[in-house]
Amino acid sequence: LTDVYSSSPALGRYFRSAQVVYFSNENSTVFYQLEFSVPPSTEGFMENTMNPDFIRNVLRQNIYDED
């Protein structure tokens, strides 16, 4: 995850760290905590760039690109 987000054109400059919060072998579930450093409030930044769907889609696109 660190490589995915630190090299992202959209999120790389804001990304700080990723850590595993929970891992289960039983059902292949992993919860991560991502840390970003965001600039002072700018119109639409949190609603668009830091939108959970947008952040998730950056990872999803990276997975698709690897296939």
N, C-alpha and C. Protein backbone atom coordinates (compact mmCIF):
# COMPACT_ATOMS: atom_id res chain seq x y z
N LEU A 1 0.81 -1.20 0.00
CA LEU A 1 0.00 0.00 0.00
C LEU A 1 0.85 1.26 0.00
N THR A 2 1.95 1.19 0.71
CA THR A 2 2.83 2.36 0.76
C THR A 2 3.28 2.75 -0.64
N ASP A 3 3.68 1.77 -1.44
CA ASP A 3 4.12 2.06 -2.81
C ASP A 3 2.98 2.58 -3.68
N VAL A 4 1.80 1.98 -3.52
CA VAL A 4 0.64 2.39 -4.32
C VAL A 4 0.31 3.85 -4.08
N TYR A 5 0.17 4.23 -2.81
CA TYR A 5 -0.27 5.58 -2.51
C TYR A 5 0.85 6.62 -2.63
N SER A 6 2.06 6.26 -2.30
CA SER A 6 3.15 7.25 -2.42
C SER A 6 3.49 7.55 -3.88
N SER A 7 3.19 6.61 -4.78
CA SER A 7 3.47 6.85 -6.20
C SER A 7 2.24 7.34 -6.97
N SER A 8 1.12 7.48 -6.31
CA SER A 8 -0.10 7.95 -6.96
C SER A 8 0.02 9.42 -7.36
N PRO A 9 -0.25 9.73 -8.63
CA PRO A 9 -0.21 11.14 -9.05
C PRO A 9 -1.21 12.01 -8.27
N ALA A 10 -2.34 11.44 -7.92
CA ALA A 10 -3.38 12.21 -7.23
C ALA A 10 -3.15 12.33 -5.73
N LEU A 11 -2.58 11.28 -5.10
CA LEU A 11 -2.48 11.25 -3.65
C LEU A 11 -1.06 11.22 -3.09
N GLY A 12 -0.08 10.99 -3.93
CA GLY A 12 1.30 10.80 -3.48
C GLY A 12 1.85 11.91 -2.61
N ARG A 13 1.56 13.14 -2.95
CA ARG A 13 2.11 14.26 -2.17
C ARG A 13 1.45 14.40 -0.81
N TYR A 14 0.28 13.77 -0.61
CA TYR A 14 -0.42 13.86 0.66
C TYR A 14 -0.22 12.63 1.54
N PHE A 15 0.18 11.53 0.93
CA PHE A 15 0.29 10.26 1.65
C PHE A 15 1.45 10.27 2.64
N ARG A 16 1.21 9.74 3.84
CA ARG A 16 2.25 9.68 4.87
C ARG A 16 2.56 8.25 5.30
N SER A 17 1.55 7.41 5.56
CA SER A 17 1.83 6.05 6.03
C SER A 17 0.62 5.14 5.88
N ALA A 18 0.90 3.85 5.97
CA ALA A 18 -0.15 2.82 5.97
C ALA A 18 0.25 1.77 6.98
N GLN A 19 -0.71 1.31 7.75
CA GLN A 19 -0.41 0.24 8.69
C GLN A 19 -1.60 -0.71 8.79
N VAL A 20 -1.31 -1.97 9.07
CA VAL A 20 -2.34 -2.98 9.25
C VAL A 20 -2.93 -2.81 10.64
N VAL A 21 -4.25 -2.68 10.70
CA VAL A 21 -4.96 -2.54 11.97
C VAL A 21 -5.50 -3.89 12.40
N TYR A 22 -5.94 -4.71 11.44
CA TYR A 22 -6.53 -6.01 11.74
C TYR A 22 -6.28 -6.93 10.56
N PHE A 23 -5.97 -8.19 10.84
CA PHE A 23 -5.73 -9.18 9.81
C PHE A 23 -6.36 -10.49 10.23
N SER A 24 -7.09 -11.14 9.32
CA SER A 24 -7.70 -12.44 9.60
C SER A 24 -7.38 -13.41 8.46
N ASN A 25 -6.70 -14.49 8.79
CA ASN A 25 -6.44 -15.54 7.81
C ASN A 25 -7.72 -16.31 7.49
N GLU A 26 -8.61 -16.34 8.46
CA GLU A 26 -9.83 -17.12 8.34
C GLU A 26 -10.66 -16.73 7.13
N ASN A 27 -10.86 -15.44 6.92
CA ASN A 27 -11.67 -14.99 5.78
C ASN A 27 -10.93 -13.98 4.90
N SER A 28 -9.61 -13.96 5.00
CA SER A 28 -8.77 -13.08 4.17
C SER A 28 -9.19 -11.61 4.26
N THR A 29 -9.39 -11.14 5.47
CA THR A 29 -9.79 -9.76 5.71
C THR A 29 -8.62 -8.99 6.30
N VAL A 30 -8.39 -7.80 5.76
CA VAL A 30 -7.36 -6.91 6.29
C VAL A 30 -7.95 -5.51 6.39
N PHE A 31 -7.76 -4.88 7.54
CA PHE A 31 -8.15 -3.49 7.72
C PHE A 31 -6.87 -2.67 7.83
N TYR A 32 -6.80 -1.60 7.06
CA TYR A 32 -5.64 -0.73 7.05
C TYR A 32 -6.02 0.65 7.58
N GLN A 33 -5.04 1.31 8.13
CA GLN A 33 -5.19 2.71 8.48
C GLN A 33 -4.24 3.48 7.57
N LEU A 34 -4.78 4.39 6.80
CA LEU A 34 -3.99 5.23 5.92
C LEU A 34 -3.90 6.61 6.53
N GLU A 35 -2.71 7.20 6.48
CA GLU A 35 -2.53 8.54 7.02
C GLU A 35 -2.11 9.48 5.90
N PHE A 36 -2.84 10.58 5.79
CA PHE A 36 -2.56 11.61 4.79
C PHE A 36 -2.36 12.94 5.51
N SER A 37 -1.51 13.76 4.94
CA SER A 37 -1.32 15.12 5.43
C SER A 37 -1.98 16.04 4.42
N VAL A 38 -3.07 16.65 4.83
CA VAL A 38 -3.83 17.46 3.88
C VAL A 38 -3.53 18.95 4.05
N PRO A 39 -3.61 19.69 2.97
CA PRO A 39 -3.35 21.13 3.04
C PRO A 39 -4.48 21.84 3.77
N PRO A 40 -4.26 23.09 4.12
CA PRO A 40 -5.37 23.86 4.71
C PRO A 40 -6.59 23.76 3.80
N SER A 41 -7.73 23.81 4.38
CA SER A 41 -8.98 23.60 3.67
C SER A 41 -9.06 24.41 2.37
N THR A 42 -9.25 23.68 1.30
CA THR A 42 -9.51 24.30 0.01
C THR A 42 -10.85 23.76 -0.48
N GLU A 43 -11.55 24.55 -1.23
CA GLU A 43 -12.89 24.19 -1.66
C GLU A 43 -12.91 22.85 -2.41
N GLY A 44 -13.68 21.92 -1.88
CA GLY A 44 -13.86 20.63 -2.53
C GLY A 44 -12.77 19.61 -2.28
N PHE A 45 -11.68 19.98 -1.65
CA PHE A 45 -10.56 19.03 -1.48
C PHE A 45 -10.97 17.79 -0.68
N MET A 46 -11.54 17.99 0.49
CA MET A 46 -11.92 16.85 1.33
C MET A 46 -13.06 16.05 0.70
N GLU A 47 -13.99 16.73 0.05
CA GLU A 47 -15.13 16.04 -0.56
C GLU A 47 -14.72 15.24 -1.79
N ASN A 48 -13.70 15.68 -2.50
CA ASN A 48 -13.31 15.03 -3.75
C ASN A 48 -12.05 14.18 -3.61
N THR A 49 -10.93 14.79 -3.32
CA THR A 49 -9.66 14.07 -3.27
C THR A 49 -9.58 13.11 -2.09
N MET A 50 -10.09 13.52 -0.94
CA MET A 50 -10.01 12.66 0.24
C MET A 50 -11.29 11.86 0.44
N ASN A 51 -12.10 11.78 -0.58
CA ASN A 51 -13.31 10.97 -0.54
C ASN A 51 -12.92 9.50 -0.42
N PRO A 52 -13.50 8.74 0.51
CA PRO A 52 -13.14 7.32 0.68
C PRO A 52 -13.26 6.50 -0.61
N ASP A 53 -14.27 6.79 -1.43
CA ASP A 53 -14.41 6.07 -2.69
C ASP A 53 -13.24 6.36 -3.63
N PHE A 54 -12.81 7.61 -3.68
CA PHE A 54 -11.69 7.99 -4.53
C PHE A 54 -10.41 7.28 -4.06
N ILE A 55 -10.17 7.29 -2.76
CA ILE A 55 -8.98 6.64 -2.20
C ILE A 55 -9.00 5.15 -2.49
N ARG A 56 -10.15 4.52 -2.33
CA ARG A 56 -10.32 3.09 -2.61
C ARG A 56 -10.08 2.81 -4.09
N ASN A 57 -10.55 3.70 -4.96
CA ASN A 57 -10.40 3.50 -6.40
C ASN A 57 -8.95 3.62 -6.86
N VAL A 58 -8.14 4.40 -6.16
CA VAL A 58 -6.71 4.46 -6.49
C VAL A 58 -6.09 3.07 -6.30
N LEU A 59 -6.42 2.41 -5.20
CA LEU A 59 -5.93 1.05 -4.96
C LEU A 59 -6.51 0.08 -5.99
N ARG A 60 -7.79 0.17 -6.24
CA ARG A 60 -8.44 -0.71 -7.20
C ARG A 60 -7.80 -0.57 -8.59
N GLN A 61 -7.52 0.66 -9.02
CA GLN A 61 -6.90 0.87 -10.33
C GLN A 61 -5.52 0.26 -10.38
N ASN A 62 -4.77 0.37 -9.28
CA ASN A 62 -3.44 -0.23 -9.23
C ASN A 62 -3.52 -1.74 -9.38
N ILE A 63 -4.49 -2.37 -8.76
CA ILE A 63 -4.68 -3.82 -8.87
C ILE A 63 -5.01 -4.19 -10.30
N TYR A 64 -5.91 -3.45 -10.95
CA TYR A 64 -6.27 -3.72 -12.33
C TYR A 64 -5.07 -3.54 -13.26
N ASP A 65 -4.27 -2.53 -13.00
CA ASP A 65 -3.10 -2.28 -13.84
C ASP A 65 -2.06 -3.39 -13.74
N GLU A 66 -2.01 -4.07 -12.60
CA GLU A 66 -1.05 -5.16 -12.41
C GLU A 66 -1.47 -6.42 -13.15
N ASP A 67 -2.77 -6.59 -13.39
CA ASP A 67 -3.27 -7.82 -14.07
C ASP A 67 -2.93 -7.85 -15.51
